[in-house]
Amino acid sequence: MQRLGDRHRPATAREEPIFVKHYVLLLDFSEAYEARRAEFRDAHLKRAWAAADRGELILAGALTDPLDTGLILFRGESPEVVERFVRDDPYVNNGLVRHWRIREWATVVGTDAASILRPA
């Protein structure tokens, strides 16, 4: 498993390893999303970039054709990192998201996978 200390801060002898998991936040947009997102976009992006700067948010964006879902990839010790983000998200709190859900993603391939698995 990848440890947060390996990539995001220097590890000290006293520090316990922090095992990182990946979480996906899926946002189901309301019918008002496209018409109203400009009102809240800067506030949403400010929070998203702050989470990215902390090393919590990896990628974020909208699925298109149709424009109906947002997908945000997080890393953290628990889903709490995602819950903190979504609890105060301007899109969620202003009715642009009708439903959201958090899913743990068991990543196994790629240099940033939480649990790298290689063929035998």
N, C-alpha and C. Protein backbone atom coordinates (compact mmCIF):
# COMPACT_ATOMS: atom_id res chain seq x y z
N MET A 1 0.83 -1.19 0.00
CA MET A 1 0.00 0.00 0.00
C MET A 1 0.87 1.25 0.00
N GLN A 2 0.42 2.25 -0.65
CA GLN A 2 1.11 3.52 -0.66
C GLN A 2 0.91 4.19 0.69
N ARG A 3 1.95 4.80 1.21
CA ARG A 3 1.85 5.55 2.45
C ARG A 3 1.89 7.03 2.13
N LEU A 4 1.05 7.80 2.80
CA LEU A 4 1.01 9.23 2.57
C LEU A 4 2.39 9.83 2.80
N GLY A 5 3.11 9.36 3.79
CA GLY A 5 4.43 9.88 4.10
C GLY A 5 5.43 9.69 2.97
N ASP A 6 5.22 8.69 2.11
CA ASP A 6 6.14 8.44 1.01
C ASP A 6 6.16 9.57 -0.01
N ARG A 7 5.04 10.22 -0.22
CA ARG A 7 4.97 11.19 -1.31
C ARG A 7 4.66 12.61 -0.88
N HIS A 8 4.11 12.80 0.30
CA HIS A 8 3.58 14.12 0.60
C HIS A 8 4.20 14.82 1.79
N ARG A 9 4.99 14.14 2.56
CA ARG A 9 5.68 14.80 3.65
C ARG A 9 6.84 13.92 4.08
N PRO A 10 7.87 14.51 4.63
CA PRO A 10 9.00 13.70 5.07
C PRO A 10 8.61 12.84 6.27
N ALA A 11 8.98 11.59 6.22
CA ALA A 11 8.68 10.69 7.33
C ALA A 11 9.75 10.86 8.40
N THR A 12 9.34 10.78 9.64
CA THR A 12 10.28 10.81 10.75
C THR A 12 10.28 9.44 11.40
N ALA A 13 11.26 9.19 12.23
CA ALA A 13 11.36 7.88 12.88
C ALA A 13 10.16 7.59 13.76
N ARG A 14 9.55 8.63 14.34
CA ARG A 14 8.42 8.43 15.25
C ARG A 14 7.09 8.29 14.53
N GLU A 15 7.05 8.68 13.29
CA GLU A 15 5.79 8.71 12.56
C GLU A 15 5.32 7.33 12.17
N GLU A 16 4.07 7.03 12.46
CA GLU A 16 3.46 5.77 12.02
C GLU A 16 3.10 5.92 10.55
N PRO A 17 3.19 4.85 9.76
CA PRO A 17 2.79 4.95 8.36
C PRO A 17 1.29 5.22 8.25
N ILE A 18 0.93 6.05 7.30
CA ILE A 18 -0.47 6.36 7.04
C ILE A 18 -0.82 5.70 5.72
N PHE A 19 -1.68 4.71 5.75
CA PHE A 19 -2.05 4.01 4.54
C PHE A 19 -3.15 4.77 3.83
N VAL A 20 -2.95 4.97 2.55
CA VAL A 20 -3.84 5.80 1.76
C VAL A 20 -4.72 4.94 0.89
N LYS A 21 -5.97 5.34 0.82
CA LYS A 21 -6.93 4.71 -0.08
C LYS A 21 -7.40 5.76 -1.06
N HIS A 22 -8.02 5.30 -2.13
CA HIS A 22 -8.63 6.22 -3.09
C HIS A 22 -10.14 6.16 -2.92
N TYR A 23 -10.76 7.32 -3.10
CA TYR A 23 -12.21 7.45 -3.01
C TYR A 23 -12.69 8.26 -4.20
N VAL A 24 -13.83 7.87 -4.74
CA VAL A 24 -14.46 8.60 -5.83
C VAL A 24 -15.73 9.24 -5.29
N LEU A 25 -15.88 10.53 -5.56
CA LEU A 25 -17.11 11.24 -5.25
C LEU A 25 -17.86 11.41 -6.57
N LEU A 26 -19.06 10.86 -6.63
CA LEU A 26 -19.92 10.98 -7.81
C LEU A 26 -21.04 11.96 -7.47
N LEU A 27 -21.17 12.98 -8.29
CA LEU A 27 -22.17 14.03 -8.11
C LEU A 27 -23.18 13.95 -9.25
N ASP A 28 -24.41 13.66 -8.94
CA ASP A 28 -25.47 13.64 -9.96
C ASP A 28 -26.04 15.05 -10.05
N PHE A 29 -25.83 15.71 -11.17
CA PHE A 29 -26.26 17.09 -11.33
C PHE A 29 -27.77 17.20 -11.46
N SER A 30 -28.30 18.29 -10.91
CA SER A 30 -29.72 18.59 -11.07
C SER A 30 -29.94 19.23 -12.45
N GLU A 31 -31.20 19.39 -12.79
CA GLU A 31 -31.51 20.02 -14.08
C GLU A 31 -31.04 21.47 -14.11
N ALA A 32 -30.86 22.10 -12.95
CA ALA A 32 -30.42 23.49 -12.87
C ALA A 32 -28.91 23.64 -13.01
N TYR A 33 -28.16 22.57 -13.02
CA TYR A 33 -26.70 22.65 -12.97
C TYR A 33 -26.13 23.52 -14.08
N GLU A 34 -26.41 23.21 -15.30
CA GLU A 34 -25.78 23.93 -16.41
C GLU A 34 -26.14 25.42 -16.40
N ALA A 35 -27.37 25.75 -16.07
CA ALA A 35 -27.83 27.13 -16.08
C ALA A 35 -27.26 27.94 -14.91
N ARG A 36 -27.00 27.27 -13.75
CA ARG A 36 -26.62 28.00 -12.54
C ARG A 36 -25.17 27.80 -12.09
N ARG A 37 -24.42 26.94 -12.72
CA ARG A 37 -23.07 26.65 -12.20
C ARG A 37 -22.16 27.87 -12.18
N ALA A 38 -22.32 28.79 -13.10
CA ALA A 38 -21.45 29.98 -13.12
C ALA A 38 -21.55 30.77 -11.81
N GLU A 39 -22.72 30.78 -11.18
CA GLU A 39 -22.90 31.49 -9.91
C GLU A 39 -21.98 30.96 -8.81
N PHE A 40 -21.70 29.68 -8.84
CA PHE A 40 -20.99 29.02 -7.74
C PHE A 40 -19.65 28.42 -8.15
N ARG A 41 -19.29 28.58 -9.42
CA ARG A 41 -18.09 27.92 -9.93
C ARG A 41 -16.81 28.37 -9.22
N ASP A 42 -16.62 29.67 -9.02
CA ASP A 42 -15.39 30.13 -8.37
C ASP A 42 -15.27 29.58 -6.95
N ALA A 43 -16.36 29.60 -6.20
CA ALA A 43 -16.33 29.07 -4.83
C ALA A 43 -16.05 27.57 -4.83
N HIS A 44 -16.65 26.85 -5.76
CA HIS A 44 -16.42 25.41 -5.88
C HIS A 44 -14.96 25.14 -6.26
N LEU A 45 -14.43 25.87 -7.24
CA LEU A 45 -13.06 25.67 -7.68
C LEU A 45 -12.05 26.05 -6.59
N LYS A 46 -12.36 27.08 -5.82
CA LYS A 46 -11.47 27.48 -4.73
C LYS A 46 -11.33 26.33 -3.73
N ARG A 47 -12.43 25.71 -3.36
CA ARG A 47 -12.39 24.57 -2.43
C ARG A 47 -11.67 23.38 -3.05
N ALA A 48 -11.94 23.13 -4.33
CA ALA A 48 -11.31 21.99 -5.01
C ALA A 48 -9.79 22.18 -5.08
N TRP A 49 -9.34 23.36 -5.47
CA TRP A 49 -7.90 23.60 -5.56
C TRP A 49 -7.24 23.56 -4.19
N ALA A 50 -7.92 24.02 -3.16
CA ALA A 50 -7.36 23.93 -1.79
C ALA A 50 -7.18 22.47 -1.40
N ALA A 51 -8.16 21.62 -1.72
CA ALA A 51 -8.05 20.19 -1.43
C ALA A 51 -6.92 19.56 -2.25
N ALA A 52 -6.76 20.00 -3.49
CA ALA A 52 -5.66 19.49 -4.33
C ALA A 52 -4.31 19.91 -3.76
N ASP A 53 -4.22 21.15 -3.31
CA ASP A 53 -2.96 21.64 -2.73
C ASP A 53 -2.59 20.88 -1.45
N ARG A 54 -3.59 20.38 -0.74
CA ARG A 54 -3.34 19.58 0.47
C ARG A 54 -3.00 18.12 0.13
N GLY A 55 -3.10 17.75 -1.15
CA GLY A 55 -2.81 16.39 -1.56
C GLY A 55 -3.99 15.44 -1.41
N GLU A 56 -5.18 15.97 -1.15
CA GLU A 56 -6.38 15.14 -0.96
C GLU A 56 -7.11 14.87 -2.28
N LEU A 57 -7.26 15.88 -3.09
CA LEU A 57 -7.98 15.77 -4.36
C LEU A 57 -6.95 15.53 -5.46
N ILE A 58 -7.18 14.50 -6.25
CA ILE A 58 -6.24 14.14 -7.31
C ILE A 58 -6.71 14.67 -8.66
N LEU A 59 -7.95 14.39 -9.02
CA LEU A 59 -8.53 14.84 -10.29
C LEU A 59 -10.00 15.17 -10.06
N ALA A 60 -10.50 16.13 -10.82
CA ALA A 60 -11.92 16.48 -10.72
C ALA A 60 -12.40 17.00 -12.07
N GLY A 61 -13.66 16.74 -12.34
CA GLY A 61 -14.25 17.25 -13.56
C GLY A 61 -15.64 16.68 -13.76
N ALA A 62 -16.23 17.04 -14.88
CA ALA A 62 -17.58 16.60 -15.22
C ALA A 62 -17.54 15.60 -16.36
N LEU A 63 -18.45 14.64 -16.30
CA LEU A 63 -18.65 13.73 -17.42
C LEU A 63 -19.57 14.45 -18.40
N THR A 64 -19.26 14.35 -19.68
CA THR A 64 -20.02 15.10 -20.68
C THR A 64 -20.72 14.15 -21.65
N ASP A 65 -21.62 14.74 -22.42
CA ASP A 65 -22.39 14.00 -23.42
C ASP A 65 -23.13 12.81 -22.82
N PRO A 66 -24.03 13.02 -21.90
CA PRO A 66 -24.59 14.28 -21.43
C PRO A 66 -23.83 14.82 -20.22
N LEU A 67 -23.97 16.12 -19.99
CA LEU A 67 -23.38 16.79 -18.84
C LEU A 67 -24.30 16.55 -17.65
N ASP A 68 -24.10 15.42 -16.96
CA ASP A 68 -25.02 15.05 -15.89
C ASP A 68 -24.36 14.56 -14.61
N THR A 69 -23.03 14.41 -14.63
CA THR A 69 -22.33 13.81 -13.49
C THR A 69 -20.97 14.47 -13.30
N GLY A 70 -20.63 14.74 -12.04
CA GLY A 70 -19.29 15.17 -11.69
C GLY A 70 -18.56 13.99 -11.06
N LEU A 71 -17.27 13.91 -11.28
CA LEU A 71 -16.47 12.83 -10.73
C LEU A 71 -15.21 13.44 -10.14
N ILE A 72 -14.98 13.17 -8.85
CA ILE A 72 -13.80 13.70 -8.18
C ILE A 72 -13.08 12.55 -7.50
N LEU A 73 -11.78 12.44 -7.78
CA LEU A 73 -10.95 11.40 -7.20
C LEU A 73 -10.15 11.98 -6.04
N PHE A 74 -10.28 11.34 -4.88
CA PHE A 74 -9.59 11.76 -3.66
C PHE A 74 -8.65 10.66 -3.19
N ARG A 75 -7.71 11.05 -2.33
CA ARG A 75 -6.91 10.08 -1.60
C ARG A 75 -6.95 10.48 -0.13
N GLY A 76 -6.97 9.47 0.74
CA GLY A 76 -6.98 9.76 2.16
C GLY A 76 -6.99 8.49 2.98
N GLU A 77 -6.96 8.66 4.28
CA GLU A 77 -6.97 7.53 5.20
C GLU A 77 -8.37 6.93 5.33
N SER A 78 -9.39 7.76 5.11
CA SER A 78 -10.78 7.33 5.27
C SER A 78 -11.65 8.21 4.38
N PRO A 79 -12.93 7.85 4.25
CA PRO A 79 -13.82 8.68 3.43
C PRO A 79 -14.10 10.05 4.04
N GLU A 80 -13.62 10.28 5.26
CA GLU A 80 -13.86 11.58 5.90
C GLU A 80 -13.34 12.75 5.08
N VAL A 81 -12.23 12.56 4.37
CA VAL A 81 -11.67 13.62 3.54
C VAL A 81 -12.69 14.04 2.47
N VAL A 82 -13.41 13.09 1.93
CA VAL A 82 -14.42 13.37 0.91
C VAL A 82 -15.66 13.98 1.57
N GLU A 83 -16.06 13.45 2.70
CA GLU A 83 -17.23 13.97 3.42
C GLU A 83 -17.04 15.43 3.79
N ARG A 84 -15.84 15.80 4.23
CA ARG A 84 -15.56 17.21 4.57
C ARG A 84 -15.73 18.09 3.34
N PHE A 85 -15.24 17.61 2.20
CA PHE A 85 -15.35 18.39 0.97
C PHE A 85 -16.81 18.57 0.56
N VAL A 86 -17.55 17.49 0.50
CA VAL A 86 -18.91 17.55 -0.03
C VAL A 86 -19.87 18.27 0.92
N ARG A 87 -19.60 18.20 2.20
CA ARG A 87 -20.48 18.84 3.20
C ARG A 87 -20.59 20.34 2.97
N ASP A 88 -19.52 20.98 2.52
CA ASP A 88 -19.51 22.43 2.33
C ASP A 88 -19.38 22.86 0.88
N ASP A 89 -19.63 21.95 -0.05
CA ASP A 89 -19.48 22.28 -1.46
C ASP A 89 -20.62 23.19 -1.94
N PRO A 90 -20.30 24.30 -2.57
CA PRO A 90 -21.34 25.23 -3.04
C PRO A 90 -22.31 24.61 -4.05
N TYR A 91 -21.84 23.71 -4.91
CA TYR A 91 -22.75 23.06 -5.85
C TYR A 91 -23.78 22.22 -5.10
N VAL A 92 -23.34 21.48 -4.11
CA VAL A 92 -24.23 20.62 -3.32
C VAL A 92 -25.21 21.47 -2.51
N ASN A 93 -24.70 22.49 -1.84
CA ASN A 93 -25.53 23.28 -0.93
C ASN A 93 -26.47 24.26 -1.61
N ASN A 94 -26.34 24.42 -2.92
CA ASN A 94 -27.21 25.35 -3.65
C ASN A 94 -28.06 24.66 -4.69
N GLY A 95 -28.25 23.35 -4.55
CA GLY A 95 -29.20 22.63 -5.38
C GLY A 95 -28.73 22.25 -6.77
N LEU A 96 -27.45 22.38 -7.06
CA LEU A 96 -26.95 21.99 -8.37
C LEU A 96 -26.65 20.50 -8.44
N VAL A 97 -26.63 19.86 -7.29
CA VAL A 97 -26.41 18.42 -7.19
C VAL A 97 -27.63 17.82 -6.52
N ARG A 98 -28.26 16.87 -7.20
CA ARG A 98 -29.46 16.26 -6.62
C ARG A 98 -29.14 15.06 -5.75
N HIS A 99 -28.00 14.43 -6.00
CA HIS A 99 -27.61 13.26 -5.22
C HIS A 99 -26.10 13.09 -5.36
N TRP A 100 -25.46 12.64 -4.29
CA TRP A 100 -24.03 12.36 -4.36
C TRP A 100 -23.75 11.08 -3.58
N ARG A 101 -22.64 10.44 -3.93
CA ARG A 101 -22.23 9.23 -3.22
C ARG A 101 -20.71 9.11 -3.27
N ILE A 102 -20.20 8.47 -2.23
CA ILE A 102 -18.77 8.24 -2.11
C ILE A 102 -18.53 6.75 -2.25
N ARG A 103 -17.56 6.39 -3.08
CA ARG A 103 -17.19 4.98 -3.26
C ARG A 103 -15.70 4.83 -3.05
N GLU A 104 -15.31 3.84 -2.26
CA GLU A 104 -13.89 3.51 -2.17
C GLU A 104 -13.49 2.82 -3.46
N TRP A 105 -12.32 3.18 -3.99
CA TRP A 105 -11.83 2.61 -5.23
C TRP A 105 -10.56 1.84 -4.91
N ALA A 106 -10.58 0.54 -5.07
CA ALA A 106 -9.42 -0.31 -4.80
C ALA A 106 -8.50 -0.26 -6.02
N THR A 107 -7.59 0.70 -6.02
CA THR A 107 -6.68 0.88 -7.15
C THR A 107 -5.52 -0.10 -7.05
N VAL A 108 -5.21 -0.76 -8.17
CA VAL A 108 -4.18 -1.81 -8.16
C VAL A 108 -3.14 -1.69 -9.27
N VAL A 109 -3.39 -0.87 -10.29
CA VAL A 109 -2.44 -0.73 -11.40
C VAL A 109 -2.11 0.75 -11.57
N GLY A 110 -0.84 1.02 -11.74
CA GLY A 110 -0.37 2.39 -11.93
C GLY A 110 0.54 2.80 -10.78
N THR A 111 1.38 3.79 -11.03
CA THR A 111 2.36 4.17 -10.03
C THR A 111 1.73 4.76 -8.78
N ASP A 112 0.52 5.29 -8.87
CA ASP A 112 -0.15 5.85 -7.71
C ASP A 112 -1.19 4.94 -7.09
N ALA A 113 -1.24 3.69 -7.52
CA ALA A 113 -2.23 2.74 -6.98
C ALA A 113 -2.00 2.55 -5.49
N ALA A 114 -3.09 2.35 -4.75
CA ALA A 114 -2.99 2.15 -3.31
C ALA A 114 -2.39 0.79 -2.97
N SER A 115 -2.74 -0.23 -3.74
CA SER A 115 -2.22 -1.59 -3.52
C SER A 115 -1.79 -2.16 -4.86
N ILE A 116 -0.56 -1.93 -5.22
CA ILE A 116 -0.08 -2.35 -6.54
C ILE A 116 -0.05 -3.86 -6.63
N LEU A 117 -0.67 -4.38 -7.68
CA LEU A 117 -0.66 -5.82 -7.97
C LEU A 117 -0.06 -6.02 -9.35
N ARG A 118 0.89 -6.93 -9.43
CA ARG A 118 1.52 -7.25 -10.71
C ARG A 118 1.24 -8.71 -11.03
N PRO A 119 1.25 -9.07 -12.30
CA PRO A 119 1.01 -10.45 -12.66
C PRO A 119 2.12 -11.36 -12.12
N ALA A 120 1.78 -12.62 -11.91
CA ALA A 120 2.75 -13.59 -11.38
C ALA A 120 3.86 -13.82 -12.37
